[in-house]
């Protein structure tokens, strides 16, 4: 599976399962974006979390590691998901938090 396919599955699941509880922004890379920024920016109960999607043996690039560090240093929540099941766990764990 390609990362883009995993991303589509995550977005479809999220929009179908939690259409009113969760807001998602699909981040596209490119010349005008922030290189290495996580693939997804998600708002759950007023908390913003980020999620980087990877498949197979793909590893984080230096720019992705830099964003992970910056987000965590700022008190943000950065996650990595390699499967739809892991993505679901992340979202559902965040929904349980107050």
N, C-alpha and C. Protein backbone atom coordinates (compact mmCIF):
# COMPACT_ATOMS: atom_id res chain seq x y z
N UNK A 1 0.84 -1.19 0.00
CA UNK A 1 0.00 0.00 0.00
C UNK A 1 0.88 1.24 0.00
N UNK A 2 0.46 2.25 -0.71
CA UNK A 2 1.16 3.53 -0.74
C UNK A 2 0.70 4.39 0.44
N UNK A 3 1.55 5.35 0.83
CA UNK A 3 1.17 6.25 1.92
C UNK A 3 -0.08 7.04 1.55
N UNK A 4 -0.21 7.41 0.29
CA UNK A 4 -1.40 8.16 -0.13
C UNK A 4 -2.67 7.32 0.04
N UNK A 5 -2.57 6.02 -0.17
CA UNK A 5 -3.72 5.13 0.01
C UNK A 5 -4.08 5.03 1.49
N UNK A 6 -3.06 4.92 2.35
CA UNK A 6 -3.30 4.89 3.79
C UNK A 6 -3.94 6.20 4.24
N UNK A 7 -3.45 7.30 3.70
CA UNK A 7 -4.00 8.60 4.06
C UNK A 7 -5.47 8.70 3.68
N UNK A 8 -5.83 8.25 2.49
CA UNK A 8 -7.22 8.26 2.05
C UNK A 8 -8.08 7.42 2.97
N UNK A 9 -7.61 6.22 3.33
CA UNK A 9 -8.37 5.34 4.23
C UNK A 9 -8.59 6.00 5.59
N UNK A 10 -7.55 6.66 6.11
CA UNK A 10 -7.67 7.33 7.40
C UNK A 10 -8.68 8.46 7.36
N UNK A 11 -8.63 9.26 6.31
CA UNK A 11 -9.55 10.38 6.17
C UNK A 11 -10.98 9.89 6.03
N UNK A 12 -11.20 8.89 5.19
CA UNK A 12 -12.55 8.36 4.98
C UNK A 12 -13.10 7.80 6.29
N UNK A 13 -12.29 7.00 7.00
CA UNK A 13 -12.73 6.44 8.28
C UNK A 13 -13.09 7.54 9.26
N UNK A 14 -12.21 8.54 9.39
CA UNK A 14 -12.43 9.61 10.34
C UNK A 14 -13.69 10.41 10.01
N UNK A 15 -13.87 10.75 8.76
CA UNK A 15 -15.05 11.54 8.37
C UNK A 15 -16.34 10.74 8.49
N UNK A 16 -16.28 9.44 8.28
CA UNK A 16 -17.48 8.60 8.41
C UNK A 16 -17.79 8.25 9.86
N UNK A 17 -16.76 8.10 10.68
CA UNK A 17 -16.94 7.65 12.06
C UNK A 17 -17.19 8.81 13.02
N UNK A 18 -16.49 9.91 12.84
CA UNK A 18 -16.61 11.05 13.75
C UNK A 18 -16.82 12.35 12.96
N UNK A 19 -17.90 12.43 12.20
CA UNK A 19 -18.07 13.61 11.33
C UNK A 19 -18.22 14.92 12.07
N UNK A 20 -18.73 14.88 13.31
CA UNK A 20 -18.96 16.11 14.06
C UNK A 20 -17.97 16.33 15.20
N UNK A 21 -17.29 15.29 15.62
CA UNK A 21 -16.40 15.38 16.78
C UNK A 21 -14.96 15.73 16.43
N UNK A 22 -14.57 15.46 15.19
CA UNK A 22 -13.16 15.60 14.82
C UNK A 22 -13.04 16.40 13.52
N UNK A 23 -12.10 17.34 13.52
CA UNK A 23 -11.80 18.13 12.33
C UNK A 23 -10.44 17.69 11.81
N UNK A 24 -10.34 17.46 10.53
CA UNK A 24 -9.07 17.01 9.96
C UNK A 24 -8.67 17.90 8.79
N UNK A 25 -7.39 18.19 8.74
CA UNK A 25 -6.81 18.90 7.61
C UNK A 25 -5.76 18.00 7.00
N UNK A 26 -5.92 17.74 5.74
CA UNK A 26 -4.98 16.92 5.00
C UNK A 26 -3.87 17.85 4.50
N UNK A 27 -2.65 17.63 4.96
CA UNK A 27 -1.55 18.53 4.62
C UNK A 27 -0.84 18.01 3.39
N UNK A 28 -0.72 18.86 2.38
CA UNK A 28 -0.01 18.49 1.15
C UNK A 28 1.36 19.15 1.14
N UNK A 29 2.34 18.39 0.78
CA UNK A 29 3.68 18.96 0.65
C UNK A 29 3.79 19.76 -0.63
N UNK A 30 4.91 20.36 -0.81
CA UNK A 30 5.11 21.14 -2.02
C UNK A 30 5.93 22.38 -1.73
N UNK A 31 6.19 23.13 -2.76
CA UNK A 31 7.03 24.30 -2.65
C UNK A 31 6.52 25.38 -1.73
N UNK A 32 5.19 25.45 -1.50
CA UNK A 32 4.64 26.49 -0.65
C UNK A 32 4.40 26.00 0.77
N UNK A 33 4.56 24.71 1.01
CA UNK A 33 4.31 24.16 2.33
C UNK A 33 5.57 24.11 3.17
N UNK A 34 5.43 23.58 4.35
CA UNK A 34 6.55 23.38 5.25
C UNK A 34 7.07 21.96 5.07
N UNK A 35 8.20 21.82 4.42
CA UNK A 35 8.76 20.50 4.13
C UNK A 35 8.88 19.69 5.42
N UNK A 36 8.35 18.49 5.36
CA UNK A 36 8.45 17.58 6.49
C UNK A 36 7.32 17.68 7.50
N UNK A 37 6.40 18.66 7.32
CA UNK A 37 5.29 18.78 8.26
C UNK A 37 4.45 17.51 8.18
N UNK A 38 3.91 17.05 9.31
CA UNK A 38 3.12 15.81 9.31
C UNK A 38 1.98 15.82 8.29
N UNK A 39 1.61 14.63 7.86
CA UNK A 39 0.60 14.47 6.81
C UNK A 39 -0.78 14.98 7.22
N UNK A 40 -1.10 14.86 8.51
CA UNK A 40 -2.45 15.20 8.94
C UNK A 40 -2.40 16.08 10.18
N UNK A 41 -3.25 17.09 10.18
CA UNK A 41 -3.45 17.97 11.32
C UNK A 41 -4.89 17.74 11.76
N UNK A 42 -5.07 17.34 13.01
CA UNK A 42 -6.38 16.90 13.47
C UNK A 42 -6.74 17.66 14.74
N UNK A 43 -7.98 18.11 14.84
CA UNK A 43 -8.47 18.77 16.04
C UNK A 43 -9.49 17.85 16.70
N UNK A 44 -9.18 17.47 17.94
CA UNK A 44 -10.06 16.58 18.71
C UNK A 44 -10.32 17.26 20.05
N UNK A 45 -11.58 17.61 20.30
CA UNK A 45 -11.96 18.28 21.55
C UNK A 45 -11.11 19.51 21.82
N UNK A 46 -10.82 20.26 20.79
CA UNK A 46 -10.06 21.49 20.95
C UNK A 46 -8.55 21.31 21.02
N UNK A 47 -8.07 20.07 20.99
CA UNK A 47 -6.63 19.78 21.00
C UNK A 47 -6.19 19.45 19.58
N UNK A 48 -5.12 20.07 19.17
CA UNK A 48 -4.57 19.75 17.86
C UNK A 48 -3.50 18.70 18.00
N UNK A 49 -3.60 17.68 17.17
CA UNK A 49 -2.58 16.65 17.11
C UNK A 49 -2.12 16.52 15.67
N UNK A 50 -0.94 15.98 15.49
CA UNK A 50 -0.44 15.74 14.14
C UNK A 50 -0.16 14.26 13.98
N UNK A 51 -0.25 13.79 12.75
CA UNK A 51 0.00 12.39 12.48
C UNK A 51 0.78 12.25 11.17
N UNK A 52 1.91 11.60 11.26
CA UNK A 52 2.72 11.27 10.09
C UNK A 52 2.37 9.83 9.70
N UNK A 53 2.09 9.62 8.44
CA UNK A 53 1.75 8.29 7.95
C UNK A 53 2.93 7.68 7.22
N UNK A 54 3.22 6.44 7.54
CA UNK A 54 4.31 5.70 6.90
C UNK A 54 3.82 4.30 6.60
N UNK A 55 4.35 3.70 5.56
CA UNK A 55 4.04 2.31 5.24
C UNK A 55 5.34 1.56 5.00
N UNK A 56 5.26 0.26 5.17
CA UNK A 56 6.43 -0.58 4.92
C UNK A 56 7.61 -0.17 5.76
N UNK A 57 8.77 -0.13 5.13
CA UNK A 57 10.00 0.22 5.87
C UNK A 57 10.39 1.68 5.66
N UNK A 58 9.45 2.51 5.20
CA UNK A 58 9.73 3.94 5.06
C UNK A 58 10.10 4.52 6.43
N UNK A 59 11.11 5.36 6.45
CA UNK A 59 11.55 5.98 7.69
C UNK A 59 11.34 7.48 7.63
N UNK A 60 11.42 8.12 8.79
CA UNK A 60 11.28 9.57 8.84
C UNK A 60 12.48 10.23 8.19
N UNK A 61 12.19 11.25 7.42
CA UNK A 61 13.24 12.06 6.79
C UNK A 61 13.73 13.08 7.81
N UNK A 62 14.92 13.65 7.61
CA UNK A 62 15.42 14.65 8.56
C UNK A 62 14.44 15.80 8.80
N UNK A 63 13.78 16.29 7.76
CA UNK A 63 12.83 17.38 7.95
C UNK A 63 11.62 16.93 8.78
N UNK A 64 11.23 15.67 8.68
CA UNK A 64 10.12 15.15 9.47
C UNK A 64 10.53 15.00 10.93
N UNK A 65 11.76 14.57 11.17
CA UNK A 65 12.26 14.47 12.55
C UNK A 65 12.34 15.85 13.19
N UNK A 66 12.72 16.84 12.39
CA UNK A 66 12.80 18.21 12.90
C UNK A 66 11.41 18.71 13.32
N UNK A 67 10.39 18.46 12.50
CA UNK A 67 9.04 18.87 12.86
C UNK A 67 8.53 18.13 14.08
N UNK A 68 8.83 16.84 14.17
CA UNK A 68 8.44 16.06 15.36
C UNK A 68 8.99 16.73 16.61
N UNK A 69 10.26 17.06 16.57
CA UNK A 69 10.92 17.70 17.72
C UNK A 69 10.27 19.05 18.04
N UNK A 70 10.06 19.87 17.03
CA UNK A 70 9.47 21.20 17.24
C UNK A 70 8.06 21.10 17.82
N UNK A 71 7.27 20.19 17.29
CA UNK A 71 5.89 20.03 17.77
C UNK A 71 5.89 19.57 19.22
N UNK A 72 6.71 18.59 19.54
CA UNK A 72 6.75 18.08 20.91
C UNK A 72 7.32 19.12 21.88
N UNK A 73 8.33 19.87 21.46
CA UNK A 73 8.88 20.92 22.32
C UNK A 73 7.86 22.02 22.59
N UNK A 74 6.95 22.23 21.65
CA UNK A 74 5.90 23.24 21.82
C UNK A 74 4.72 22.71 22.63
N UNK A 75 4.81 21.45 23.07
CA UNK A 75 3.73 20.86 23.85
C UNK A 75 2.68 20.18 23.01
N UNK A 76 2.95 20.04 21.72
CA UNK A 76 2.00 19.39 20.82
C UNK A 76 2.11 17.88 20.85
N UNK A 77 1.19 17.27 20.18
CA UNK A 77 1.13 15.81 20.12
C UNK A 77 1.44 15.36 18.69
N UNK A 78 2.50 14.60 18.55
CA UNK A 78 2.95 14.09 17.25
C UNK A 78 2.86 12.58 17.28
N UNK A 79 2.24 12.00 16.28
CA UNK A 79 2.09 10.54 16.20
C UNK A 79 2.56 10.04 14.83
N UNK A 80 2.91 8.77 14.81
CA UNK A 80 3.22 8.08 13.57
C UNK A 80 2.29 6.88 13.47
N UNK A 81 1.64 6.72 12.33
CA UNK A 81 0.77 5.57 12.11
C UNK A 81 1.21 4.87 10.83
N UNK A 82 1.32 3.56 10.92
CA UNK A 82 1.71 2.75 9.77
C UNK A 82 0.56 1.90 9.23
N UNK A 83 -0.53 1.90 9.97
CA UNK A 83 -1.72 1.14 9.55
C UNK A 83 -2.97 1.93 9.91
N UNK A 84 -4.07 1.59 9.27
CA UNK A 84 -5.35 2.20 9.61
C UNK A 84 -5.71 1.87 11.05
N UNK A 85 -5.41 0.67 11.49
CA UNK A 85 -5.73 0.26 12.85
C UNK A 85 -5.00 1.13 13.87
N UNK A 86 -3.73 1.42 13.62
CA UNK A 86 -2.97 2.28 14.54
C UNK A 86 -3.55 3.70 14.52
N UNK A 87 -3.92 4.20 13.37
CA UNK A 87 -4.53 5.52 13.27
C UNK A 87 -5.81 5.57 14.10
N UNK A 88 -6.64 4.54 13.99
CA UNK A 88 -7.87 4.47 14.77
C UNK A 88 -7.58 4.51 16.27
N UNK A 89 -6.56 3.77 16.71
CA UNK A 89 -6.18 3.76 18.12
C UNK A 89 -5.79 5.16 18.59
N UNK A 90 -5.01 5.86 17.79
CA UNK A 90 -4.56 7.21 18.15
C UNK A 90 -5.77 8.12 18.34
N UNK A 91 -6.66 8.13 17.38
CA UNK A 91 -7.84 9.01 17.43
C UNK A 91 -8.72 8.64 18.61
N UNK A 92 -9.00 7.37 18.80
CA UNK A 92 -9.89 6.96 19.88
C UNK A 92 -9.27 7.20 21.25
N UNK A 93 -7.95 7.05 21.38
CA UNK A 93 -7.28 7.38 22.64
C UNK A 93 -7.39 8.88 22.93
N UNK A 94 -7.22 9.70 21.90
CA UNK A 94 -7.33 11.15 22.08
C UNK A 94 -8.77 11.55 22.44
N UNK A 95 -9.76 10.86 21.87
CA UNK A 95 -11.16 11.17 22.18
C UNK A 95 -11.50 10.87 23.64
N UNK A 96 -10.79 9.95 24.25
CA UNK A 96 -11.04 9.57 25.65
C UNK A 96 -10.48 10.60 26.63
N UNK A 97 -9.54 11.43 26.17
CA UNK A 97 -8.92 12.42 27.05
C UNK A 97 -9.87 13.59 27.30
N UNK A 98 -9.74 14.17 28.47
CA UNK A 98 -10.56 15.36 28.79
C UNK A 98 -9.83 16.61 28.46
